[in-house]
Amino acid sequence: MYCIRVGAAGNISRAEGGPADEAPVWYQEKGDPCHSTPLIVDDVLHVLLDPGFMTAFDAHTGKAYDSQKKRIPKGRDFTSSHGTYGQIFCPNEDDVTIAIRPGPDFKVSYTNHLAEDDKCMANPVIVDDELLIRSSARLYCVKQQ
């Protein structure tokens, strides 16, 4: 997983010990997701791994926080990217959406079980003040009241 400096062009590889103003800014040899897109909330990079783990990195330095690779309870088979709407929402393929409090010490806030025939493989979307979660059978709309 690489953090590339804006405006980088050409060969952006960085030789060990090279100047700090070259791209990439930082990289992690391990910890990149297979399907989902990493998410930055308040300078913390949250990475959701397919088999049900989440990792957190400092978005500026790439340094892993102590919460590195923490298992999400009842979490597995994450194909879609996670989205944020106050909490980080992680829908999986097993009819469960897990809400996680963002930050370096992220913690599960709650889990929502959808209908048994729901399989979430699409990314959650934020439209105005609504969170939309599409499953194989339904479209859910979550709105704070």
N, C-alpha and C. Protein backbone atom coordinates (compact mmCIF):
# COMPACT_ATOMS: atom_id res chain seq x y z
N MET A 1 0.86 -1.16 0.00
CA MET A 1 0.00 0.00 0.00
C MET A 1 0.91 1.22 0.00
N TYR A 2 0.67 2.15 -0.94
CA TYR A 2 1.52 3.32 -1.11
C TYR A 2 0.74 4.61 -0.91
N CYS A 3 1.37 5.61 -0.33
CA CYS A 3 0.85 6.97 -0.28
C CYS A 3 1.73 7.78 -1.23
N ILE A 4 1.15 8.23 -2.33
CA ILE A 4 1.90 8.91 -3.38
C ILE A 4 1.70 10.42 -3.27
N ARG A 5 2.79 11.16 -3.36
CA ARG A 5 2.74 12.61 -3.29
C ARG A 5 1.97 13.17 -4.49
N VAL A 6 1.11 14.15 -4.25
CA VAL A 6 0.36 14.80 -5.32
C VAL A 6 1.34 15.43 -6.30
N GLY A 7 1.11 15.23 -7.58
CA GLY A 7 1.97 15.80 -8.61
C GLY A 7 3.13 14.91 -9.00
N ALA A 8 3.27 13.75 -8.37
CA ALA A 8 4.36 12.84 -8.72
C ALA A 8 4.20 12.37 -10.15
N ALA A 9 5.32 12.21 -10.84
CA ALA A 9 5.28 11.78 -12.23
C ALA A 9 6.50 10.92 -12.52
N GLY A 10 6.40 10.13 -13.58
CA GLY A 10 7.53 9.29 -13.97
C GLY A 10 7.74 8.15 -12.99
N ASN A 11 8.98 7.77 -12.77
CA ASN A 11 9.32 6.70 -11.84
C ASN A 11 9.16 7.24 -10.43
N ILE A 12 8.16 6.73 -9.72
CA ILE A 12 7.89 7.26 -8.38
C ILE A 12 8.40 6.35 -7.28
N SER A 13 9.21 5.35 -7.64
CA SER A 13 9.76 4.48 -6.60
C SER A 13 10.77 5.28 -5.78
N ARG A 14 10.89 4.90 -4.53
CA ARG A 14 11.80 5.61 -3.63
C ARG A 14 12.87 4.64 -3.16
N ALA A 15 14.10 4.94 -3.49
CA ALA A 15 15.21 4.10 -3.05
C ALA A 15 15.33 4.20 -1.54
N GLU A 16 15.74 3.12 -0.90
CA GLU A 16 15.92 3.11 0.56
C GLU A 16 16.83 4.26 0.95
N GLY A 17 16.35 5.12 1.85
CA GLY A 17 17.15 6.24 2.33
C GLY A 17 17.19 7.42 1.39
N GLY A 18 16.34 7.42 0.34
CA GLY A 18 16.33 8.53 -0.62
C GLY A 18 15.76 9.80 0.00
N PRO A 19 15.85 10.91 -0.73
CA PRO A 19 15.35 12.19 -0.20
C PRO A 19 13.87 12.12 0.17
N ALA A 20 13.49 12.83 1.23
CA ALA A 20 12.12 12.79 1.74
C ALA A 20 11.13 13.47 0.81
N ASP A 21 11.60 14.32 -0.13
CA ASP A 21 10.68 15.03 -1.00
C ASP A 21 10.31 14.23 -2.25
N GLU A 22 10.77 13.00 -2.34
CA GLU A 22 10.40 12.15 -3.47
C GLU A 22 9.14 11.35 -3.15
N ALA A 23 8.46 10.90 -4.19
CA ALA A 23 7.31 10.02 -4.01
C ALA A 23 7.82 8.59 -4.00
N PRO A 24 7.21 7.63 -3.32
CA PRO A 24 6.05 7.81 -2.46
C PRO A 24 6.40 8.43 -1.11
N VAL A 25 5.38 9.00 -0.47
CA VAL A 25 5.56 9.60 0.84
C VAL A 25 5.85 8.49 1.85
N TRP A 26 5.08 7.40 1.78
CA TRP A 26 5.29 6.22 2.62
C TRP A 26 4.66 5.02 1.95
N TYR A 27 5.03 3.85 2.42
CA TYR A 27 4.40 2.62 1.94
C TYR A 27 4.38 1.60 3.06
N GLN A 28 3.43 0.69 2.96
CA GLN A 28 3.30 -0.43 3.88
C GLN A 28 3.45 -1.69 3.04
N GLU A 29 4.38 -2.52 3.43
CA GLU A 29 4.61 -3.74 2.66
C GLU A 29 3.46 -4.72 2.80
N LYS A 30 2.81 -4.73 3.97
CA LYS A 30 1.68 -5.62 4.21
C LYS A 30 0.51 -4.78 4.73
N GLY A 31 -0.68 -5.31 4.57
CA GLY A 31 -1.84 -4.63 5.13
C GLY A 31 -2.77 -4.00 4.12
N ASP A 32 -2.51 -4.21 2.82
CA ASP A 32 -3.40 -3.63 1.83
C ASP A 32 -4.59 -4.56 1.60
N PRO A 33 -5.75 -3.97 1.32
CA PRO A 33 -6.96 -4.77 1.14
C PRO A 33 -7.01 -5.39 -0.25
N CYS A 34 -7.77 -6.46 -0.37
CA CYS A 34 -7.94 -7.11 -1.66
C CYS A 34 -9.08 -6.44 -2.45
N HIS A 35 -10.20 -6.12 -1.77
CA HIS A 35 -11.36 -5.56 -2.46
C HIS A 35 -11.70 -4.13 -2.06
N SER A 36 -11.71 -3.83 -0.78
CA SER A 36 -12.23 -2.54 -0.34
C SER A 36 -11.20 -1.42 -0.48
N THR A 37 -11.71 -0.20 -0.53
CA THR A 37 -10.89 0.99 -0.61
C THR A 37 -10.63 1.52 0.79
N PRO A 38 -9.37 1.82 1.14
CA PRO A 38 -9.10 2.39 2.47
C PRO A 38 -9.86 3.71 2.66
N LEU A 39 -10.11 4.04 3.91
CA LEU A 39 -10.93 5.20 4.26
C LEU A 39 -10.19 6.04 5.30
N ILE A 40 -10.08 7.35 5.05
CA ILE A 40 -9.44 8.25 6.01
C ILE A 40 -10.50 9.03 6.76
N VAL A 41 -10.46 8.96 8.09
CA VAL A 41 -11.33 9.74 8.97
C VAL A 41 -10.42 10.41 10.00
N ASP A 42 -10.42 11.74 10.03
CA ASP A 42 -9.62 12.51 10.98
C ASP A 42 -8.16 12.05 11.00
N ASP A 43 -7.54 12.00 9.85
CA ASP A 43 -6.11 11.66 9.69
C ASP A 43 -5.76 10.23 10.08
N VAL A 44 -6.76 9.36 10.24
CA VAL A 44 -6.51 7.94 10.50
C VAL A 44 -6.98 7.16 9.27
N LEU A 45 -6.08 6.38 8.71
CA LEU A 45 -6.39 5.54 7.56
C LEU A 45 -6.91 4.19 8.07
N HIS A 46 -8.17 3.89 7.76
CA HIS A 46 -8.80 2.64 8.18
C HIS A 46 -8.82 1.70 6.98
N VAL A 47 -8.30 0.50 7.17
CA VAL A 47 -8.24 -0.49 6.09
C VAL A 47 -9.04 -1.71 6.52
N LEU A 48 -10.04 -2.05 5.73
CA LEU A 48 -10.90 -3.21 5.98
C LEU A 48 -10.41 -4.37 5.12
N LEU A 49 -10.02 -5.46 5.78
CA LEU A 49 -9.52 -6.63 5.07
C LEU A 49 -10.64 -7.65 4.89
N ASP A 50 -10.66 -8.31 3.76
CA ASP A 50 -11.74 -9.22 3.38
C ASP A 50 -12.15 -10.22 4.45
N PRO A 51 -11.21 -10.89 5.14
CA PRO A 51 -11.64 -11.93 6.08
C PRO A 51 -12.13 -11.43 7.42
N GLY A 52 -12.30 -10.11 7.60
CA GLY A 52 -12.89 -9.60 8.84
C GLY A 52 -11.92 -8.95 9.80
N PHE A 53 -10.89 -8.35 9.28
CA PHE A 53 -9.94 -7.59 10.11
C PHE A 53 -9.96 -6.15 9.67
N MET A 54 -9.64 -5.24 10.60
CA MET A 54 -9.46 -3.85 10.26
C MET A 54 -8.12 -3.42 10.84
N THR A 55 -7.44 -2.54 10.11
CA THR A 55 -6.19 -1.99 10.58
C THR A 55 -6.28 -0.47 10.53
N ALA A 56 -5.44 0.20 11.33
CA ALA A 56 -5.44 1.66 11.36
C ALA A 56 -4.00 2.16 11.26
N PHE A 57 -3.82 3.19 10.43
CA PHE A 57 -2.51 3.78 10.21
C PHE A 57 -2.62 5.30 10.32
N ASP A 58 -1.53 5.95 10.70
CA ASP A 58 -1.47 7.40 10.63
C ASP A 58 -1.43 7.75 9.15
N ALA A 59 -2.37 8.54 8.67
CA ALA A 59 -2.48 8.83 7.24
C ALA A 59 -1.29 9.64 6.72
N HIS A 60 -0.60 10.37 7.58
CA HIS A 60 0.52 11.21 7.15
C HIS A 60 1.84 10.45 7.09
N THR A 61 2.03 9.48 7.98
CA THR A 61 3.32 8.79 8.08
C THR A 61 3.25 7.32 7.67
N GLY A 62 2.05 6.72 7.68
CA GLY A 62 1.91 5.31 7.38
C GLY A 62 2.21 4.41 8.57
N LYS A 63 2.53 5.02 9.72
CA LYS A 63 2.84 4.23 10.92
C LYS A 63 1.57 3.53 11.41
N ALA A 64 1.70 2.24 11.68
CA ALA A 64 0.57 1.46 12.18
C ALA A 64 0.32 1.80 13.64
N TYR A 65 -0.95 1.93 13.99
CA TYR A 65 -1.32 2.12 15.39
C TYR A 65 -1.31 0.78 16.10
N ASP A 66 -1.40 0.80 17.42
CA ASP A 66 -1.39 -0.43 18.22
C ASP A 66 -2.55 -1.35 17.87
N SER A 67 -3.61 -0.79 17.31
CA SER A 67 -4.79 -1.58 16.97
C SER A 67 -4.59 -2.37 15.68
N GLN A 68 -3.36 -2.42 15.20
CA GLN A 68 -3.04 -3.10 13.95
C GLN A 68 -3.71 -4.46 13.85
N LYS A 69 -4.45 -4.66 12.80
CA LYS A 69 -5.08 -5.93 12.45
C LYS A 69 -5.93 -6.51 13.57
N LYS A 70 -6.97 -5.79 13.90
CA LYS A 70 -7.91 -6.24 14.94
C LYS A 70 -9.09 -6.94 14.27
N ARG A 71 -9.48 -8.10 14.80
CA ARG A 71 -10.63 -8.83 14.25
C ARG A 71 -11.92 -8.10 14.58
N ILE A 72 -12.80 -8.00 13.59
CA ILE A 72 -14.11 -7.42 13.79
C ILE A 72 -15.03 -8.55 14.22
N PRO A 73 -15.62 -8.49 15.43
CA PRO A 73 -16.50 -9.57 15.88
C PRO A 73 -17.65 -9.78 14.90
N LYS A 74 -17.93 -11.03 14.59
CA LYS A 74 -18.99 -11.42 13.66
C LYS A 74 -18.77 -10.86 12.26
N GLY A 75 -17.54 -10.49 11.96
CA GLY A 75 -17.23 -9.92 10.66
C GLY A 75 -16.44 -10.88 9.80
N ARG A 76 -16.87 -11.04 8.57
CA ARG A 76 -16.13 -11.83 7.58
C ARG A 76 -16.73 -11.56 6.21
N ASP A 77 -16.02 -11.94 5.19
CA ASP A 77 -16.48 -11.81 3.81
C ASP A 77 -16.85 -10.37 3.45
N PHE A 78 -15.90 -9.46 3.59
CA PHE A 78 -16.11 -8.06 3.22
C PHE A 78 -15.62 -7.85 1.80
N THR A 79 -16.55 -7.62 0.89
CA THR A 79 -16.22 -7.37 -0.51
C THR A 79 -16.36 -5.89 -0.83
N SER A 80 -17.34 -5.23 -0.24
CA SER A 80 -17.56 -3.81 -0.52
C SER A 80 -16.62 -2.96 0.32
N SER A 81 -16.48 -1.73 -0.10
CA SER A 81 -15.72 -0.77 0.70
C SER A 81 -16.59 -0.30 1.85
N HIS A 82 -15.97 0.18 2.89
CA HIS A 82 -16.70 0.71 4.03
C HIS A 82 -16.96 2.19 3.79
N GLY A 83 -18.00 2.71 4.42
CA GLY A 83 -18.35 4.12 4.27
C GLY A 83 -18.52 4.75 5.64
N THR A 84 -18.49 6.07 5.67
CA THR A 84 -18.62 6.74 6.96
C THR A 84 -19.81 7.70 6.97
N TYR A 85 -20.50 7.69 8.07
CA TYR A 85 -21.65 8.56 8.32
C TYR A 85 -21.70 8.71 9.84
N GLY A 86 -20.66 9.37 10.38
CA GLY A 86 -20.49 9.44 11.82
C GLY A 86 -19.74 8.23 12.32
N GLN A 87 -20.22 7.05 12.00
CA GLN A 87 -19.56 5.78 12.27
C GLN A 87 -19.02 5.26 10.93
N ILE A 88 -18.18 4.25 11.00
CA ILE A 88 -17.75 3.56 9.78
C ILE A 88 -18.68 2.35 9.63
N PHE A 89 -19.35 2.27 8.49
CA PHE A 89 -20.28 1.17 8.24
C PHE A 89 -19.63 0.15 7.31
N CYS A 90 -19.62 -1.09 7.75
CA CYS A 90 -18.98 -2.19 7.03
C CYS A 90 -20.00 -3.28 6.73
N PRO A 91 -20.64 -3.23 5.57
CA PRO A 91 -21.58 -4.31 5.22
C PRO A 91 -20.80 -5.51 4.70
N ASN A 92 -21.25 -6.72 5.05
CA ASN A 92 -20.56 -7.90 4.54
C ASN A 92 -21.51 -8.77 3.73
N GLU A 93 -21.00 -9.87 3.25
CA GLU A 93 -21.78 -10.76 2.40
C GLU A 93 -22.72 -11.67 3.18
N ASP A 94 -22.70 -11.58 4.50
CA ASP A 94 -23.49 -12.46 5.35
C ASP A 94 -24.63 -11.74 6.06
N ASP A 95 -25.25 -10.77 5.41
CA ASP A 95 -26.40 -10.01 5.89
C ASP A 95 -26.14 -9.24 7.19
N VAL A 96 -24.91 -8.81 7.43
CA VAL A 96 -24.58 -8.05 8.64
C VAL A 96 -23.90 -6.74 8.24
N THR A 97 -24.32 -5.64 8.86
CA THR A 97 -23.62 -4.37 8.73
C THR A 97 -23.08 -4.01 10.10
N ILE A 98 -21.78 -3.79 10.16
CA ILE A 98 -21.11 -3.51 11.42
C ILE A 98 -20.74 -2.04 11.47
N ALA A 99 -21.14 -1.36 12.55
CA ALA A 99 -20.81 0.06 12.74
C ALA A 99 -19.61 0.15 13.68
N ILE A 100 -18.60 0.90 13.25
CA ILE A 100 -17.35 1.01 14.01
C ILE A 100 -17.07 2.47 14.29
N ARG A 101 -16.71 2.78 15.53
CA ARG A 101 -16.31 4.13 15.89
C ARG A 101 -14.91 4.36 15.32
N PRO A 102 -14.73 5.37 14.45
CA PRO A 102 -13.44 5.57 13.82
C PRO A 102 -12.38 6.08 14.80
N GLY A 103 -11.14 5.92 14.42
CA GLY A 103 -10.02 6.41 15.21
C GLY A 103 -8.94 5.37 15.32
N PRO A 104 -7.81 5.73 15.91
CA PRO A 104 -6.70 4.78 16.02
C PRO A 104 -7.04 3.57 16.87
N ASP A 105 -7.97 3.72 17.80
CA ASP A 105 -8.38 2.61 18.66
C ASP A 105 -9.82 2.20 18.35
N PHE A 106 -10.13 2.14 17.06
CA PHE A 106 -11.50 1.87 16.59
C PHE A 106 -12.14 0.73 17.36
N LYS A 107 -13.44 0.90 17.63
CA LYS A 107 -14.19 -0.12 18.36
C LYS A 107 -15.55 -0.31 17.70
N VAL A 108 -16.06 -1.53 17.75
CA VAL A 108 -17.39 -1.82 17.20
C VAL A 108 -18.43 -1.17 18.09
N SER A 109 -19.32 -0.37 17.50
CA SER A 109 -20.41 0.27 18.23
C SER A 109 -21.63 -0.65 18.29
N TYR A 110 -21.98 -1.22 17.16
CA TYR A 110 -23.13 -2.11 17.09
C TYR A 110 -23.13 -2.85 15.76
N THR A 111 -23.97 -3.86 15.69
CA THR A 111 -24.16 -4.63 14.46
C THR A 111 -25.64 -4.65 14.12
N ASN A 112 -25.92 -4.58 12.84
CA ASN A 112 -27.29 -4.69 12.34
C ASN A 112 -27.37 -5.91 11.44
N HIS A 113 -28.33 -6.77 11.74
CA HIS A 113 -28.57 -7.92 10.86
C HIS A 113 -29.66 -7.53 9.89
N LEU A 114 -29.37 -7.68 8.62
CA LEU A 114 -30.35 -7.39 7.59
C LEU A 114 -31.16 -8.65 7.36
N ALA A 115 -32.00 -8.65 6.35
CA ALA A 115 -32.79 -9.84 6.04
C ALA A 115 -31.86 -10.98 5.66
N GLU A 116 -32.27 -12.21 5.93
CA GLU A 116 -31.41 -13.38 5.71
C GLU A 116 -30.97 -13.57 4.27
N ASP A 117 -31.77 -13.07 3.32
CA ASP A 117 -31.40 -13.25 1.92
C ASP A 117 -30.60 -12.07 1.38
N ASP A 118 -30.14 -11.18 2.27
CA ASP A 118 -29.35 -10.03 1.84
C ASP A 118 -27.87 -10.37 1.80
N LYS A 119 -27.25 -9.99 0.71
CA LYS A 119 -25.81 -10.16 0.53
C LYS A 119 -25.30 -8.81 0.04
N CYS A 120 -24.46 -8.15 0.82
CA CYS A 120 -23.97 -6.81 0.46
C CYS A 120 -22.60 -6.91 -0.19
N MET A 121 -22.55 -6.50 -1.44
CA MET A 121 -21.29 -6.45 -2.16
C MET A 121 -21.05 -5.07 -2.75
N ALA A 122 -22.02 -4.16 -2.59
CA ALA A 122 -21.89 -2.80 -3.12
C ALA A 122 -21.43 -1.87 -2.01
N ASN A 123 -20.74 -0.81 -2.38
CA ASN A 123 -20.25 0.16 -1.41
C ASN A 123 -21.40 1.00 -0.86
N PRO A 124 -21.41 1.29 0.45
CA PRO A 124 -22.41 2.20 0.99
C PRO A 124 -22.17 3.60 0.41
N VAL A 125 -23.24 4.35 0.26
CA VAL A 125 -23.15 5.68 -0.35
C VAL A 125 -23.83 6.69 0.56
N ILE A 126 -23.24 7.87 0.66
CA ILE A 126 -23.83 8.97 1.43
C ILE A 126 -24.44 9.95 0.43
N VAL A 127 -25.73 10.26 0.60
CA VAL A 127 -26.41 11.27 -0.22
C VAL A 127 -27.07 12.24 0.74
N ASP A 128 -26.60 13.49 0.71
CA ASP A 128 -27.06 14.50 1.65
C ASP A 128 -26.87 13.99 3.08
N ASP A 129 -27.94 13.74 3.80
CA ASP A 129 -27.82 13.25 5.18
C ASP A 129 -28.36 11.83 5.33
N GLU A 130 -28.24 11.06 4.26
CA GLU A 130 -28.73 9.68 4.27
C GLU A 130 -27.63 8.71 3.88
N LEU A 131 -27.60 7.58 4.57
CA LEU A 131 -26.69 6.49 4.24
C LEU A 131 -27.48 5.45 3.47
N LEU A 132 -27.03 5.10 2.27
CA LEU A 132 -27.71 4.11 1.45
C LEU A 132 -26.86 2.84 1.40
N ILE A 133 -27.47 1.72 1.73
CA ILE A 133 -26.81 0.42 1.68
C ILE A 133 -27.63 -0.47 0.75
N ARG A 134 -26.99 -0.92 -0.33
CA ARG A 134 -27.67 -1.77 -1.31
C ARG A 134 -27.23 -3.20 -1.11
N SER A 135 -28.20 -4.08 -1.02
CA SER A 135 -27.92 -5.51 -0.91
C SER A 135 -28.36 -6.19 -2.21
N SER A 136 -28.25 -7.49 -2.24
CA SER A 136 -28.67 -8.22 -3.43
C SER A 136 -30.19 -8.18 -3.61
N ALA A 137 -30.92 -7.89 -2.54
CA ALA A 137 -32.39 -7.91 -2.62
C ALA A 137 -33.06 -6.58 -2.28
N ARG A 138 -32.35 -5.66 -1.60
CA ARG A 138 -33.00 -4.45 -1.09
C ARG A 138 -32.07 -3.24 -1.13
N LEU A 139 -32.69 -2.07 -0.97
CA LEU A 139 -31.95 -0.82 -0.77
C LEU A 139 -32.38 -0.26 0.57
N TYR A 140 -31.42 -0.09 1.48
CA TYR A 140 -31.70 0.45 2.83
C TYR A 140 -31.29 1.91 2.86
N CYS A 141 -32.08 2.71 3.56
CA CYS A 141 -31.79 4.13 3.75
C CYS A 141 -31.74 4.39 5.26
N VAL A 142 -30.60 4.86 5.74
CA VAL A 142 -30.41 5.16 7.15
C VAL A 142 -30.27 6.66 7.30
N LYS A 143 -31.08 7.24 8.19
CA LYS A 143 -31.04 8.69 8.38
C LYS A 143 -31.19 8.99 9.87
N GLN A 144 -30.35 9.88 10.34
CA GLN A 144 -30.43 10.28 11.75
C GLN A 144 -31.64 11.18 11.93
N GLN A 145 -32.42 10.93 13.01
CA GLN A 145 -33.62 11.74 13.23
C GLN A 145 -33.44 12.68 14.38
